[in-house]
Amino acid sequence: MKNYLFLMQTLIVLSLLLAAGCKKDDPKDTNTSAPYAIGDRYNENGITGVVYQITAGGMHGMIVSKTETECKWSTVYEVTGATDQVNGMNNMNKIKAIAGWESKYPAFKWCNDFNTGSISGWCLPAKDELNALYTNQTIVNATLTQYGGAQIVSDHYWNSSEGGASNAYGQIFTNGSQFNSYKDSNRGVRAVRAF
């Protein structure tokens, strides 16, 4: 009987070791590569997100962060010159040229915090970039759910395009309407990046 129990324990341990050795890699950790389609998971060189816009047959495009926050566009009323409606990185560079920008522009700082070490390029999306995300939010949300990201859930999201000293643009994700609101209002924020 003792030999039988010993044999059974040995078989259980061996089967557990064999199962652990045969375990497949977690698909969340595997690298991806172009060409991409809208809704694909992006994981290259430590940069992760979901593809929401493509160009050049999927070789280039835009990704969105797997997380989001809610904060103010700005804590001060001043003209920044961040008026580009197509390229959020141009607006990000205008904001980062302002002294003390990290404390004055919370939405931009949150997006910039994704740029660590050798990683760069994350920004608050411009008006047109945010509209493309709105257009593809259903497929993006499906991928975010599949890979443990936070779904796009806020009704109102900021973009990086300024409307004037006291206001900036954003988009309502329940109906696609764009708005111009006071910069010190709390709205949803997602970081985006070109690839």
Protein backbone atom coordinates (compact mmCIF):
# COMPACT_ATOMS: atom_id res chain seq x y z
CA MET A 1 0.00 0.00 0.00
CA LYS A 2 2.86 2.38 0.85
CA ASN A 3 4.43 1.67 -2.53
CA TYR A 4 1.12 2.37 -4.26
CA LEU A 5 0.74 5.75 -2.48
CA PHE A 6 4.34 6.66 -3.26
CA LEU A 7 3.82 5.74 -6.92
CA MET A 8 0.61 7.81 -7.11
CA GLN A 9 2.28 10.84 -5.51
CA THR A 10 5.21 10.51 -7.88
CA LEU A 11 2.87 10.34 -10.88
CA ILE A 12 0.97 13.41 -9.72
CA VAL A 13 4.18 15.40 -9.24
CA LEU A 14 5.51 14.30 -12.63
CA SER A 15 2.26 15.19 -14.38
CA LEU A 16 2.28 18.65 -12.76
CA LEU A 17 5.88 19.22 -13.80
CA LEU A 18 5.12 18.04 -17.32
CA ALA A 19 2.07 20.31 -17.55
CA ALA A 20 4.08 23.29 -16.32
CA GLY A 21 6.80 22.60 -18.88
CA CYS A 22 4.25 22.40 -21.70
CA LYS A 23 2.42 25.58 -20.73
CA LYS A 24 2.10 27.94 -23.67
CA ASP A 25 3.21 31.56 -23.40
CA ASP A 26 0.59 33.99 -22.26
CA PRO A 27 -0.67 35.72 -25.43
CA LYS A 28 -0.64 39.04 -23.55
CA ASP A 29 3.15 38.80 -23.34
CA THR A 30 3.96 37.81 -26.92
CA ASN A 31 5.39 40.37 -29.30
CA THR A 32 3.41 41.44 -32.33
CA SER A 33 4.48 42.84 -35.69
CA ALA A 34 3.13 44.72 -38.70
CA PRO A 35 1.05 44.66 -40.76
CA TYR A 36 -1.72 45.49 -38.32
CA ALA A 37 -5.49 45.79 -38.61
CA ILE A 38 -7.78 48.02 -36.56
CA GLY A 39 -8.45 46.31 -33.24
CA ASP A 40 -5.16 44.37 -33.17
CA ARG A 41 -3.15 44.21 -29.98
CA TYR A 42 0.17 46.08 -30.31
CA ASN A 43 3.21 44.89 -28.35
CA GLU A 44 6.59 45.95 -29.72
CA ASN A 45 9.75 47.02 -27.88
CA GLY A 46 7.99 47.51 -24.55
CA ILE A 47 5.16 49.56 -26.08
CA THR A 48 1.67 48.12 -25.69
CA GLY A 49 -1.74 49.29 -26.81
CA VAL A 50 -4.54 48.66 -29.28
CA VAL A 51 -4.42 49.68 -32.94
CA TYR A 52 -7.26 52.08 -33.76
CA GLN A 53 -6.09 53.61 -37.03
CA ILE A 54 -3.91 52.27 -39.85
CA THR A 55 -2.09 53.65 -42.88
CA ALA A 56 0.24 52.15 -45.48
CA GLY A 57 -1.55 48.81 -45.47
CA GLY A 58 -1.22 48.39 -41.71
CA MET A 59 2.50 49.11 -41.58
CA HIS A 60 1.85 52.39 -39.74
CA GLY A 61 -0.98 53.92 -37.78
CA MET A 62 -2.05 54.86 -34.26
CA ILE A 63 -2.42 52.93 -31.02
CA VAL A 64 -4.32 53.86 -27.88
CA SER A 65 -3.28 53.21 -24.29
CA LYS A 66 -4.73 50.28 -22.37
CA THR A 67 -5.67 52.56 -19.47
CA GLU A 68 -7.38 55.89 -19.03
CA THR A 69 -7.89 58.58 -16.43
CA GLU A 70 -10.11 61.58 -15.81
CA CYS A 71 -8.59 65.00 -15.27
CA LYS A 72 -8.50 68.64 -16.34
CA TRP A 73 -7.07 69.78 -19.69
CA SER A 74 -5.51 72.70 -17.83
CA THR A 75 -5.55 74.34 -14.41
CA VAL A 76 -4.86 77.80 -15.89
CA TYR A 77 -6.51 79.91 -18.57
CA GLU A 78 -3.93 80.96 -21.13
CA VAL A 79 -3.39 80.64 -24.87
CA THR A 80 -0.89 77.85 -25.55
CA GLY A 81 -0.80 77.66 -29.34
CA ALA A 82 -1.76 73.96 -29.20
CA THR A 83 -4.23 74.31 -32.07
CA ASP A 84 -3.23 71.44 -34.40
CA GLN A 85 -6.36 69.39 -35.11
CA VAL A 86 -4.54 66.54 -36.90
CA ASN A 87 -1.34 65.78 -34.94
CA GLY A 88 -1.46 65.55 -31.16
CA MET A 89 2.34 65.36 -30.88
CA ASN A 90 2.58 68.90 -32.31
CA ASN A 91 0.23 70.09 -29.55
CA MET A 92 2.16 68.10 -26.93
CA ASN A 93 5.39 69.83 -27.96
CA LYS A 94 3.72 73.27 -27.66
CA ILE A 95 2.54 72.44 -24.14
CA LYS A 96 5.92 71.01 -23.06
CA ALA A 97 7.59 74.29 -24.10
CA ILE A 98 5.61 76.14 -21.38
CA ALA A 99 7.41 76.63 -18.05
CA GLY A 100 5.84 74.48 -15.32
CA TRP A 101 3.67 72.62 -17.81
CA GLU A 102 3.57 69.44 -15.69
CA SER A 103 1.49 71.12 -12.99
CA LYS A 104 -0.57 73.31 -15.33
CA TYR A 105 -1.64 70.70 -17.90
CA PRO A 106 -2.71 67.46 -16.15
CA ALA A 107 -4.12 65.70 -19.25
CA PHE A 108 -0.88 66.24 -21.16
CA LYS A 109 1.25 65.17 -18.19
CA TRP A 110 -0.72 61.95 -17.76
CA CYS A 111 -0.16 61.06 -21.42
CA ASN A 112 3.50 62.06 -21.27
CA ASP A 113 4.05 59.76 -18.27
CA PHE A 114 3.88 56.82 -20.73
CA ASN A 115 7.17 58.12 -22.19
CA THR A 116 9.74 56.45 -19.95
CA GLY A 117 13.27 55.26 -20.60
CA SER A 118 13.73 54.89 -24.36
CA ILE A 119 9.98 55.04 -25.02
CA SER A 120 8.64 58.23 -26.57
CA GLY A 121 5.79 59.38 -28.79
CA TRP A 122 2.79 59.09 -26.43
CA CYS A 123 0.57 62.18 -26.44
CA LEU A 124 -2.95 63.51 -25.93
CA PRO A 125 -4.71 62.95 -29.29
CA ALA A 126 -5.56 65.88 -31.55
CA LYS A 127 -9.17 66.46 -32.57
CA ASP A 128 -9.05 64.24 -35.69
CA GLU A 129 -7.06 61.50 -33.90
CA LEU A 130 -9.67 61.33 -31.13
CA ASN A 131 -12.47 61.19 -33.70
CA ALA A 132 -10.80 58.14 -35.31
CA LEU A 133 -10.74 56.48 -31.88
CA TYR A 134 -14.43 57.25 -31.42
CA THR A 135 -15.19 55.70 -34.82
CA ASN A 136 -13.43 52.45 -33.89
CA GLN A 137 -14.23 52.26 -30.16
CA THR A 138 -16.33 49.07 -30.38
CA ILE A 139 -13.55 46.93 -31.85
CA VAL A 140 -10.94 48.62 -29.63
CA ASN A 141 -13.03 47.88 -26.53
CA ALA A 142 -13.31 44.20 -27.54
CA THR A 143 -9.51 43.93 -27.70
CA LEU A 144 -9.04 45.88 -24.46
CA THR A 145 -11.38 43.44 -22.72
CA GLN A 146 -9.65 40.40 -24.20
CA TYR A 147 -6.21 41.52 -23.03
CA GLY A 148 -7.05 43.01 -19.63
CA GLY A 149 -7.17 46.69 -20.58
CA ALA A 150 -9.68 49.27 -19.39
CA GLN A 151 -12.54 49.83 -21.81
CA ILE A 152 -13.29 53.26 -23.21
CA VAL A 153 -16.08 54.20 -20.83
CA SER A 154 -16.14 57.97 -20.27
CA ASP A 155 -18.79 59.96 -22.13
CA HIS A 156 -16.54 62.99 -22.69
CA TYR A 157 -12.85 62.80 -23.67
CA TRP A 158 -10.37 65.63 -24.04
CA ASN A 159 -8.30 66.07 -27.15
CA SER A 160 -5.19 68.24 -27.34
CA SER A 161 -6.63 70.91 -29.66
CA GLU A 162 -7.10 74.25 -27.93
CA GLY A 163 -10.16 76.40 -28.61
CA GLY A 164 -8.98 79.57 -26.84
CA ALA A 165 -7.55 80.84 -23.57
CA SER A 166 -10.27 79.24 -21.45
CA ASN A 167 -11.51 76.34 -23.58
CA ALA A 168 -10.38 73.24 -25.45
CA TYR A 169 -12.01 70.60 -27.63
CA GLY A 170 -13.21 67.14 -26.78
CA GLN A 171 -15.57 64.46 -28.00
CA ILE A 172 -18.66 62.78 -26.63
CA PHE A 173 -18.23 59.03 -27.13
CA THR A 174 -21.91 58.16 -26.78
CA ASN A 175 -22.93 60.03 -29.95
CA GLY A 176 -19.76 61.34 -31.65
CA SER A 177 -20.48 65.03 -31.07
CA GLN A 178 -17.47 67.26 -30.55
CA PHE A 179 -17.54 69.93 -27.87
CA ASN A 180 -15.64 73.01 -26.77
CA SER A 181 -15.47 73.20 -22.96
CA TYR A 182 -13.71 74.99 -20.12
CA LYS A 183 -10.18 73.64 -19.74
CA ASP A 184 -10.55 73.12 -15.98
CA SER A 185 -13.38 70.58 -16.38
CA ASN A 186 -12.65 66.94 -15.56
CA ARG A 187 -12.96 64.75 -18.67
CA GLY A 188 -11.73 61.34 -19.79
CA VAL A 189 -8.16 61.09 -21.10
CA ARG A 190 -6.50 58.42 -23.27
CA ALA A 191 -2.92 58.50 -24.54
CA VAL A 192 -2.20 57.72 -28.18
CA ARG A 193 0.95 57.02 -30.15
CA ALA A 194 1.94 56.68 -33.78
CA PHE A 195 3.71 53.49 -34.91
